[in-house]
Amino acid sequence: MHKAIADCNESLRLQSGDAGALNARGTAYLKLDQLDRALADFDTALRAEPKNAFSFYGRGITKRLKGDTAGADSDIAAAKQISPDIAEDFELFGVPAP
């Protein structure tokens, strides 16, 4: 997981604000239970791409784990509206549906 974070950091060094790298790093932080870092990455990714289902879903899962049920439900619903199968994408990365 730490290698994935290092790779994302390098990608972001080369292309600041890349939503894909931010989402990948956010997912790695999520799996490491570094929830504040995960949330920051998903927030930044959404500023770069405001309609990114992956960012919304990742942020929703993170909010749920932090105890923000209303925020989690809102973000997950937004993600599923953009991409109905988004939960399956996260399961491929080892993050089960909430």
C-alpha atoms as a PDB file:
ATOM      1  CA  MET A   1       0.000   0.000   0.000  1.00  0.00           C
ATOM      2  CA  HIS A   2       2.831   2.365   0.831  1.00  0.00           C
ATOM      3  CA  LYS A   3       4.360   1.762  -2.620  1.00  0.00           C
ATOM      4  CA  ALA A   4       1.019   2.716  -4.200  1.00  0.00           C
ATOM      5  CA  ILE A   5       0.991   5.945  -2.195  1.00  0.00           C
ATOM      6  CA  ALA A   6       4.558   6.721  -3.270  1.00  0.00           C
ATOM      7  CA  ASP A   7       3.611   6.128  -6.911  1.00  0.00           C
ATOM      8  CA  CYS A   8       0.606   8.439  -6.558  1.00  0.00           C
ATOM      9  CA  ASN A   9       2.769  11.100  -4.916  1.00  0.00           C
ATOM     10  CA  GLU A  10       5.151  10.953  -7.873  1.00  0.00           C
ATOM     11  CA  SER A  11       2.274  11.180 -10.334  1.00  0.00           C
ATOM     12  CA  LEU A  12       0.891  14.201  -8.478  1.00  0.00           C
ATOM     13  CA  ARG A  13       4.343  15.790  -8.446  1.00  0.00           C
ATOM     14  CA  LEU A  14       4.393  15.508 -12.232  1.00  0.00           C
ATOM     15  CA  GLN A  15       0.759  16.490 -12.752  1.00  0.00           C
ATOM     16  CA  SER A  16      -0.680  18.355  -9.796  1.00  0.00           C
ATOM     17  CA  GLY A  17      -4.389  17.922  -9.199  1.00  0.00           C
ATOM     18  CA  ASP A  18      -4.781  14.718 -11.233  1.00  0.00           C
ATOM     19  CA  ALA A  19      -8.104  13.267 -10.029  1.00  0.00           C
ATOM     20  CA  GLY A  20      -7.098   9.719 -10.933  1.00  0.00           C
ATOM     21  CA  ALA A  21      -3.954   9.836  -8.807  1.00  0.00           C
ATOM     22  CA  LEU A  22      -5.831  11.543  -5.980  1.00  0.00           C
ATOM     23  CA  ASN A  23      -8.527   8.863  -6.071  1.00  0.00           C
ATOM     24  CA  ALA A  24      -5.948   6.073  -6.094  1.00  0.00           C
ATOM     25  CA  ARG A  25      -4.074   7.599  -3.179  1.00  0.00           C
ATOM     26  CA  GLY A  26      -7.331   8.277  -1.336  1.00  0.00           C
ATOM     27  CA  THR A  27      -8.305   4.636  -1.760  1.00  0.00           C
ATOM     28  CA  ALA A  28      -4.912   3.517  -0.437  1.00  0.00           C
ATOM     29  CA  TYR A  29      -5.293   5.811   2.578  1.00  0.00           C
ATOM     30  CA  LEU A  30      -8.815   4.461   3.092  1.00  0.00           C
ATOM     31  CA  LYS A  31      -7.505   0.890   3.143  1.00  0.00           C
ATOM     32  CA  LEU A  32      -4.816   1.954   5.644  1.00  0.00           C
ATOM     33  CA  ASP A  33      -7.529   3.549   7.839  1.00  0.00           C
ATOM     34  CA  GLN A  34      -5.962   6.998   7.385  1.00  0.00           C
ATOM     35  CA  LEU A  35      -9.387   8.547   7.021  1.00  0.00           C
ATOM     36  CA  ASP A  36      -8.490  12.241   7.223  1.00  0.00           C
ATOM     37  CA  ARG A  37      -5.942  11.841   4.426  1.00  0.00           C
ATOM     38  CA  ALA A  38      -8.399   9.804   2.346  1.00  0.00           C
ATOM     39  CA  LEU A  39     -11.088  12.443   2.805  1.00  0.00           C
ATOM     40  CA  ALA A  40      -8.704  15.233   1.803  1.00  0.00           C
ATOM     41  CA  ASP A  41      -7.740  13.408  -1.397  1.00  0.00           C
ATOM     42  CA  PHE A  42     -11.343  12.661  -2.386  1.00  0.00           C
ATOM     43  CA  ASP A  43     -12.303  16.300  -1.669  1.00  0.00           C
ATOM     44  CA  THR A  44      -9.436  17.572  -3.829  1.00  0.00           C
ATOM     45  CA  ALA A  45     -10.306  15.134  -6.615  1.00  0.00           C
ATOM     46  CA  LEU A  46     -13.901  16.424  -6.598  1.00  0.00           C
ATOM     47  CA  ARG A  47     -12.681  20.000  -6.941  1.00  0.00           C
ATOM     48  CA  ALA A  48     -10.718  18.889 -10.019  1.00  0.00           C
ATOM     49  CA  GLU A  49     -13.585  16.807 -11.453  1.00  0.00           C
ATOM     50  CA  PRO A  50     -16.915  17.725  -9.793  1.00  0.00           C
ATOM     51  CA  LYS A  51     -18.866  14.874 -11.429  1.00  0.00           C
ATOM     52  CA  ASN A  52     -16.450  12.050 -10.590  1.00  0.00           C
ATOM     53  CA  ALA A  53     -18.405   9.057  -9.274  1.00  0.00           C
ATOM     54  CA  PHE A  54     -15.280   7.389  -7.873  1.00  0.00           C
ATOM     55  CA  SER A  55     -14.465  10.484  -5.808  1.00  0.00           C
ATOM     56  CA  PHE A  56     -18.015  10.790  -4.485  1.00  0.00           C
ATOM     57  CA  TYR A  57     -18.175   7.104  -3.552  1.00  0.00           C
ATOM     58  CA  GLY A  58     -14.756   7.101  -1.894  1.00  0.00           C
ATOM     59  CA  ARG A  59     -15.634  10.210   0.054  1.00  0.00           C
ATOM     60  CA  GLY A  60     -18.952   8.634   1.034  1.00  0.00           C
ATOM     61  CA  ILE A  61     -17.316   5.497   2.388  1.00  0.00           C
ATOM     62  CA  THR A  62     -14.776   7.607   4.256  1.00  0.00           C
ATOM     63  CA  LYS A  63     -17.486   9.805   5.757  1.00  0.00           C
ATOM     64  CA  ARG A  64     -19.416   6.715   6.877  1.00  0.00           C
ATOM     65  CA  LEU A  65     -16.321   5.352   8.634  1.00  0.00           C
ATOM     66  CA  LYS A  66     -15.862   8.739  10.316  1.00  0.00           C
ATOM     67  CA  GLY A  67     -19.475   8.648  11.552  1.00  0.00           C
ATOM     68  CA  ASP A  68     -21.004  11.191   9.140  1.00  0.00           C
ATOM     69  CA  THR A  69     -23.956   9.065   8.027  1.00  0.00           C
ATOM     70  CA  ALA A  70     -25.900  11.877   6.325  1.00  0.00           C
ATOM     71  CA  GLY A  71     -22.845  13.058   4.379  1.00  0.00           C
ATOM     72  CA  ALA A  72     -21.996   9.466   3.453  1.00  0.00           C
ATOM     73  CA  ASP A  73     -25.500   8.737   2.195  1.00  0.00           C
ATOM     74  CA  SER A  74     -25.528  11.927   0.117  1.00  0.00           C
ATOM     75  CA  ASP A  75     -22.145  11.233  -1.502  1.00  0.00           C
ATOM     76  CA  ILE A  76     -22.907   7.567  -2.195  1.00  0.00           C
ATOM     77  CA  ALA A  77     -26.251   8.488  -3.750  1.00  0.00           C
ATOM     78  CA  ALA A  78     -24.529  11.095  -5.951  1.00  0.00           C
ATOM     79  CA  ALA A  79     -21.942   8.514  -7.032  1.00  0.00           C
ATOM     80  CA  LYS A  80     -24.594   5.938  -7.913  1.00  0.00           C
ATOM     81  CA  GLN A  81     -26.546   8.516  -9.888  1.00  0.00           C
ATOM     82  CA  ILE A  82     -23.461   9.142 -12.038  1.00  0.00           C
ATOM     83  CA  SER A  83     -22.365   5.497 -12.193  1.00  0.00           C
ATOM     84  CA  PRO A  84     -24.870   2.910 -10.912  1.00  0.00           C
ATOM     85  CA  ASP A  85     -22.203   0.170 -10.712  1.00  0.00           C
ATOM     86  CA  ILE A  86     -19.646   2.217  -8.749  1.00  0.00           C
ATOM     87  CA  ALA A  87     -19.753  -0.149  -5.751  1.00  0.00           C
ATOM     88  CA  GLU A  88     -18.434  -2.943  -7.971  1.00  0.00           C
ATOM     89  CA  ASP A  89     -15.467  -0.762  -8.975  1.00  0.00           C
ATOM     90  CA  PHE A  90     -14.538  -0.279  -5.332  1.00  0.00           C
ATOM     91  CA  GLU A  91     -14.894  -3.972  -4.577  1.00  0.00           C
ATOM     92  CA  LEU A  92     -12.227  -4.616  -7.247  1.00  0.00           C
ATOM     93  CA  PHE A  93      -9.889  -2.553  -5.061  1.00  0.00           C
ATOM     94  CA  GLY A  94     -10.814  -4.536  -1.957  1.00  0.00           C
ATOM     95  CA  VAL A  95     -13.180  -1.932  -0.531  1.00  0.00           C
ATOM     96  CA  PRO A  96     -16.560  -3.540   0.199  1.00  0.00           C
ATOM     97  CA  ALA A  97     -19.826  -1.669  -0.165  1.00  0.00           C
ATOM     98  CA  PRO A  98     -20.879   0.071   3.037  1.00  0.00           C
END
